Amino acid sequence: MAYTVRRTTADEWRDFRELRLAALLDSPTNYGQTHEQALAMTDEQWQERARTNATSTEQAFYVAVDDATGRLAGMWSAAPHFNRPGSWIVLGVFVRPEARGTDVARRLNQAVIDFARTTDAKELVLLVRDDNERGRRFYEREGFVLTGFAQPHNLDPSHDLVEMRYEAFR
């Protein structure tokens, strides 16, 4: 299959919602929001989120689109870190099962890194759940390294979110 990686558009808010809900069902422990919380969001909230994701110079949201079907196959984003000025964080990472094992994750990751480099960010980090070995290995192959920082997962404090930093960012 062939995929196009690009920034999302405001008009595809329904597709974005469907992909986010699919991500929360597929990997419910990898996000800071539950499927039920996302389902409770109004259409207006999804539309605003999609507009921001598509047009903001302060954050960016990228998608992989299946060229044959037009269906969103993956998503990746970056935004200023919640509580660390000068740092940016990778968020909202998901690739549908049928696109795993392709180059979709690598291409989405690179698109977000490239966008973050256009900002004044001094570093790019991400948080990965301590038991997500597949994710951690992927990030290590892509140049992220463990920083030693960890925090309890907000939805499951019995697990930590471990921080990784992209070494080649600046």
C-alpha atoms as a PDB file:
ATOM      1  CA  MET A   1       0.000   0.000   0.000  1.00  0.00           C
ATOM      2  CA  ALA A   2       1.039   3.572  -0.606  1.00  0.00           C
ATOM      3  CA  TYR A   3       0.510   6.344   1.912  1.00  0.00           C
ATOM      4  CA  THR A   4       0.732  10.109   1.778  1.00  0.00           C
ATOM      5  CA  VAL A   5       1.942  11.869   4.917  1.00  0.00           C
ATOM      6  CA  ARG A   6       0.713  15.425   5.342  1.00  0.00           C
ATOM      7  CA  ARG A   7      -0.607  17.898   7.833  1.00  0.00           C
ATOM      8  CA  THR A   8      -4.248  17.311   8.685  1.00  0.00           C
ATOM      9  CA  THR A   9      -6.944  19.667   7.440  1.00  0.00           C
ATOM     10  CA  ALA A  10      -9.762  21.306   9.390  1.00  0.00           C
ATOM     11  CA  ASP A  11     -12.361  19.793   7.053  1.00  0.00           C
ATOM     12  CA  GLU A  12     -11.459  16.225   7.974  1.00  0.00           C
ATOM     13  CA  TRP A  13     -12.491  16.556  11.615  1.00  0.00           C
ATOM     14  CA  ARG A  14     -14.839  13.555  11.332  1.00  0.00           C
ATOM     15  CA  ASP A  15     -12.006  11.369   9.997  1.00  0.00           C
ATOM     16  CA  PHE A  16      -9.715  12.691  12.742  1.00  0.00           C
ATOM     17  CA  ARG A  17     -12.359  11.859  15.374  1.00  0.00           C
ATOM     18  CA  GLU A  18     -12.773   8.347  13.968  1.00  0.00           C
ATOM     19  CA  LEU A  19      -9.008   7.761  13.995  1.00  0.00           C
ATOM     20  CA  ARG A  20      -8.628   9.090  17.555  1.00  0.00           C
ATOM     21  CA  LEU A  21     -11.475   6.891  18.776  1.00  0.00           C
ATOM     22  CA  ALA A  22      -9.927   3.887  16.996  1.00  0.00           C
ATOM     23  CA  ALA A  23      -6.596   4.649  18.687  1.00  0.00           C
ATOM     24  CA  LEU A  24      -8.225   4.797  22.105  1.00  0.00           C
ATOM     25  CA  LEU A  25      -9.906   1.432  21.528  1.00  0.00           C
ATOM     26  CA  ASP A  26      -6.778  -0.199  20.074  1.00  0.00           C
ATOM     27  CA  SER A  27      -4.332   1.076  22.699  1.00  0.00           C
ATOM     28  CA  PRO A  28      -6.332   2.424  25.654  1.00  0.00           C
ATOM     29  CA  THR A  29      -3.346   2.545  27.999  1.00  0.00           C
ATOM     30  CA  ASN A  30      -1.132   4.638  25.705  1.00  0.00           C
ATOM     31  CA  TYR A  31      -3.010   7.923  25.993  1.00  0.00           C
ATOM     32  CA  GLY A  32      -4.019  10.404  28.652  1.00  0.00           C
ATOM     33  CA  GLN A  33      -7.677  10.281  27.637  1.00  0.00           C
ATOM     34  CA  THR A  34     -10.180   7.439  27.712  1.00  0.00           C
ATOM     35  CA  HIS A  35     -12.414   6.359  24.847  1.00  0.00           C
ATOM     36  CA  GLU A  36     -15.414   7.412  26.947  1.00  0.00           C
ATOM     37  CA  GLN A  37     -13.974  10.907  27.464  1.00  0.00           C
ATOM     38  CA  ALA A  38     -13.350  11.300  23.746  1.00  0.00           C
ATOM     39  CA  LEU A  39     -16.859  10.052  22.899  1.00  0.00           C
ATOM     40  CA  ALA A  40     -18.287  12.738  25.185  1.00  0.00           C
ATOM     41  CA  MET A  41     -16.674  15.529  23.155  1.00  0.00           C
ATOM     42  CA  THR A  42     -19.099  17.565  21.045  1.00  0.00           C
ATOM     43  CA  ASP A  43     -18.811  18.008  17.293  1.00  0.00           C
ATOM     44  CA  GLU A  44     -17.837  21.617  17.957  1.00  0.00           C
ATOM     45  CA  GLN A  45     -14.949  20.492  20.173  1.00  0.00           C
ATOM     46  CA  TRP A  46     -13.721  18.093  17.485  1.00  0.00           C
ATOM     47  CA  GLN A  47     -14.026  20.825  14.853  1.00  0.00           C
ATOM     48  CA  GLU A  48     -12.022  23.276  16.963  1.00  0.00           C
ATOM     49  CA  ARG A  49      -9.387  20.652  17.646  1.00  0.00           C
ATOM     50  CA  ALA A  50      -9.114  19.901  13.929  1.00  0.00           C
ATOM     51  CA  ARG A  51      -8.843  23.624  13.055  1.00  0.00           C
ATOM     52  CA  THR A  52      -6.067  24.103  15.596  1.00  0.00           C
ATOM     53  CA  ASN A  53      -4.263  20.953  14.457  1.00  0.00           C
ATOM     54  CA  ALA A  54      -4.395  22.112  10.845  1.00  0.00           C
ATOM     55  CA  THR A  55      -3.474  25.770  11.128  1.00  0.00           C
ATOM     56  CA  SER A  56      -1.565  26.513  14.310  1.00  0.00           C
ATOM     57  CA  THR A  57       2.051  27.625  14.133  1.00  0.00           C
ATOM     58  CA  GLU A  58       2.356  26.497  17.754  1.00  0.00           C
ATOM     59  CA  GLN A  59       1.526  22.830  17.196  1.00  0.00           C
ATOM     60  CA  ALA A  60       1.105  20.461  14.285  1.00  0.00           C
ATOM     61  CA  PHE A  61      -0.787  17.284  13.611  1.00  0.00           C
ATOM     62  CA  TYR A  62       0.213  14.968  10.777  1.00  0.00           C
ATOM     63  CA  VAL A  63      -1.681  12.074   9.260  1.00  0.00           C
ATOM     64  CA  ALA A  64      -0.886   9.230   6.902  1.00  0.00           C
ATOM     65  CA  VAL A  65      -3.556   8.758   4.263  1.00  0.00           C
ATOM     66  CA  ASP A  66      -4.015   5.463   2.431  1.00  0.00           C
ATOM     67  CA  ASP A  67      -3.681   6.513  -1.207  1.00  0.00           C
ATOM     68  CA  ALA A  68      -6.055   3.772  -2.391  1.00  0.00           C
ATOM     69  CA  THR A  69      -8.928   4.410   0.019  1.00  0.00           C
ATOM     70  CA  GLY A  70      -8.383   7.926   1.385  1.00  0.00           C
ATOM     71  CA  ARG A  71      -8.703   6.530   4.905  1.00  0.00           C
ATOM     72  CA  LEU A  72      -6.487   7.966   7.636  1.00  0.00           C
ATOM     73  CA  ALA A  73      -3.997   5.249   8.562  1.00  0.00           C
ATOM     74  CA  GLY A  74      -1.981   7.008  11.248  1.00  0.00           C
ATOM     75  CA  MET A  75      -1.453  10.204  13.226  1.00  0.00           C
ATOM     76  CA  TRP A  76       1.392  11.981  15.001  1.00  0.00           C
ATOM     77  CA  SER A  77       1.632  15.442  16.554  1.00  0.00           C
ATOM     78  CA  ALA A  78       3.934  17.815  18.368  1.00  0.00           C
ATOM     79  CA  ALA A  79       3.219  20.799  20.586  1.00  0.00           C
ATOM     80  CA  PRO A  80       4.935  22.919  23.201  1.00  0.00           C
ATOM     81  CA  HIS A  81       5.583  20.900  26.351  1.00  0.00           C
ATOM     82  CA  PHE A  82       2.903  21.290  29.015  1.00  0.00           C
ATOM     83  CA  ASN A  83       5.223  22.550  31.730  1.00  0.00           C
ATOM     84  CA  ARG A  84       8.717  22.892  30.318  1.00  0.00           C
ATOM     85  CA  PRO A  85       9.308  26.140  28.397  1.00  0.00           C
ATOM     86  CA  GLY A  86      11.532  25.685  25.358  1.00  0.00           C
ATOM     87  CA  SER A  87      10.691  22.007  24.998  1.00  0.00           C
ATOM     88  CA  TRP A  88       8.266  20.389  22.593  1.00  0.00           C
ATOM     89  CA  ILE A  89       6.539  17.051  23.075  1.00  0.00           C
ATOM     90  CA  VAL A  90       5.377  14.374  20.639  1.00  0.00           C
ATOM     91  CA  LEU A  91       1.730  13.428  21.233  1.00  0.00           C
ATOM     92  CA  GLY A  92      -1.172  11.484  19.780  1.00  0.00           C
ATOM     93  CA  VAL A  93       0.886   8.747  18.151  1.00  0.00           C
ATOM     94  CA  PHE A  94      -1.073   5.973  16.443  1.00  0.00           C
ATOM     95  CA  VAL A  95      -0.795   3.758  13.368  1.00  0.00           C
ATOM     96  CA  ARG A  96      -3.648   1.461  12.412  1.00  0.00           C
ATOM     97  CA  PRO A  97      -2.793  -2.255  12.605  1.00  0.00           C
ATOM     98  CA  GLU A  98      -2.942  -2.683   8.819  1.00  0.00           C
ATOM     99  CA  ALA A  99      -0.298   0.051   8.347  1.00  0.00           C
ATOM    100  CA  ARG A 100       2.079  -1.236  11.025  1.00  0.00           C
ATOM    101  CA  GLY A 101       5.272  -2.708   9.664  1.00  0.00           C
ATOM    102  CA  THR A 102       5.248  -0.218   6.775  1.00  0.00           C
ATOM    103  CA  ASP A 103       7.170   3.059   6.755  1.00  0.00           C
ATOM    104  CA  VAL A 104       4.145   5.034   8.013  1.00  0.00           C
ATOM    105  CA  ALA A 105       5.384   5.457  11.608  1.00  0.00           C
ATOM    106  CA  ARG A 106       8.854   6.504  10.496  1.00  0.00           C
ATOM    107  CA  ARG A 107       7.487   9.025   8.001  1.00  0.00           C
ATOM    108  CA  LEU A 108       4.983  10.504  10.470  1.00  0.00           C
ATOM    109  CA  ASN A 109       7.696  10.777  13.102  1.00  0.00           C
ATOM    110  CA  GLN A 110      10.009  12.555  10.662  1.00  0.00           C
ATOM    111  CA  ALA A 111       7.268  14.975   9.608  1.00  0.00           C
ATOM    112  CA  VAL A 112       6.706  15.994  13.225  1.00  0.00           C
ATOM    113  CA  ILE A 113      10.459  16.354  13.862  1.00  0.00           C
ATOM    114  CA  ASP A 114      10.789  18.518  10.752  1.00  0.00           C
ATOM    115  CA  PHE A 115       7.911  20.739  11.882  1.00  0.00           C
ATOM    116  CA  ALA A 116       9.281  21.091  15.425  1.00  0.00           C
ATOM    117  CA  ARG A 117      12.610  22.203  13.968  1.00  0.00           C
ATOM    118  CA  THR A 118      10.841  25.216  12.397  1.00  0.00           C
ATOM    119  CA  THR A 119       9.928  26.441  15.880  1.00  0.00           C
ATOM    120  CA  ASP A 120      12.045  27.907  18.641  1.00  0.00           C
ATOM    121  CA  ALA A 121      12.015  24.589  20.533  1.00  0.00           C
ATOM    122  CA  LYS A 122      15.313  23.695  22.186  1.00  0.00           C
ATOM    123  CA  GLU A 123      14.481  19.984  22.490  1.00  0.00           C
ATOM    124  CA  LEU A 124      11.912  17.419  21.428  1.00  0.00           C
ATOM    125  CA  VAL A 125      10.744  14.805  23.916  1.00  0.00           C
ATOM    126  CA  LEU A 126       8.017  12.212  24.253  1.00  0.00           C
ATOM    127  CA  LEU A 127       6.527  10.027  26.943  1.00  0.00           C
ATOM    128  CA  VAL A 128       6.072   6.300  26.413  1.00  0.00           C
ATOM    129  CA  ARG A 129       4.425   3.909  28.849  1.00  0.00           C
ATOM    130  CA  ASP A 130       6.961   1.764  30.695  1.00  0.00           C
ATOM    131  CA  ASP A 131       5.481  -1.486  29.385  1.00  0.00           C
ATOM    132  CA  ASN A 132       5.270  -0.352  25.731  1.00  0.00           C
ATOM    133  CA  GLU A 133       8.424  -2.140  24.583  1.00  0.00           C
ATOM    134  CA  ARG A 134       7.513  -2.032  20.902  1.00  0.00           C
ATOM    135  CA  GLY A 135       7.040   1.739  21.037  1.00  0.00           C
ATOM    136  CA  ARG A 136      10.223   2.320  23.000  1.00  0.00           C
ATOM    137  CA  ARG A 137      12.282   0.204  20.586  1.00  0.00           C
ATOM    138  CA  PHE A 138      10.837   2.136  17.627  1.00  0.00           C
ATOM    139  CA  TYR A 139      11.743   5.475  19.206  1.00  0.00           C
ATOM    140  CA  GLU A 140      15.254   4.238  19.992  1.00  0.00           C
ATOM    141  CA  ARG A 141      15.735   3.223  16.342  1.00  0.00           C
ATOM    142  CA  GLU A 142      14.562   6.703  15.372  1.00  0.00           C
ATOM    143  CA  GLY A 143      17.168   8.417  17.593  1.00  0.00           C
ATOM    144  CA  PHE A 144      15.301   8.997  20.858  1.00  0.00           C
ATOM    145  CA  VAL A 145      17.078   8.163  24.119  1.00  0.00           C
ATOM    146  CA  LEU A 146      15.796   7.657  27.632  1.00  0.00           C
ATOM    147  CA  THR A 147      16.326  10.727  29.828  1.00  0.00           C
ATOM    148  CA  GLY A 148      15.841   9.044  33.196  1.00  0.00           C
ATOM    149  CA  PHE A 149      12.689  11.066  33.910  1.00  0.00           C
ATOM    150  CA  ALA A 150       9.443   9.218  34.577  1.00  0.00           C
ATOM    151  CA  GLN A 151       6.023  10.153  35.883  1.00  0.00           C
ATOM    152  CA  PRO A 152       2.992   8.085  36.867  1.00  0.00           C
ATOM    153  CA  HIS A 153       0.485   7.481  34.065  1.00  0.00           C
ATOM    154  CA  ASN A 154      -2.592   9.617  34.802  1.00  0.00           C
ATOM    155  CA  LEU A 155      -4.998   6.803  33.892  1.00  0.00           C
ATOM    156  CA  ASP A 156      -3.024   3.995  35.546  1.00  0.00           C
ATOM    157  CA  PRO A 157      -0.596   5.151  38.256  1.00  0.00           C
ATOM    158  CA  SER A 158       0.733   1.579  38.577  1.00  0.00           C
ATOM    159  CA  HIS A 159       2.657   2.344  35.364  1.00  0.00           C
ATOM    160  CA  ASP A 160       5.038   5.147  34.546  1.00  0.00           C
ATOM    161  CA  LEU A 161       5.423   7.259  31.457  1.00  0.00           C
ATOM    162  CA  VAL A 162       9.144   7.380  30.704  1.00  0.00           C
ATOM    163  CA  GLU A 163      10.618  10.328  28.873  1.00  0.00           C
ATOM    164  CA  MET A 164      12.733  10.050  25.752  1.00  0.00           C
ATOM    165  CA  ARG A 165      14.556  12.900  23.987  1.00  0.00           C
ATOM    166  CA  TYR A 166      15.425  13.178  20.315  1.00  0.00           C
ATOM    167  CA  GLU A 167      19.212  13.513  20.423  1.00  0.00           C
ATOM    168  CA  ALA A 168      19.726  14.928  16.928  1.00  0.00           C
ATOM    169  CA  PHE A 169      17.086  17.658  17.289  1.00  0.00           C
ATOM    170  CA  ARG A 170      19.378  20.705  17.389  1.00  0.00           C
END
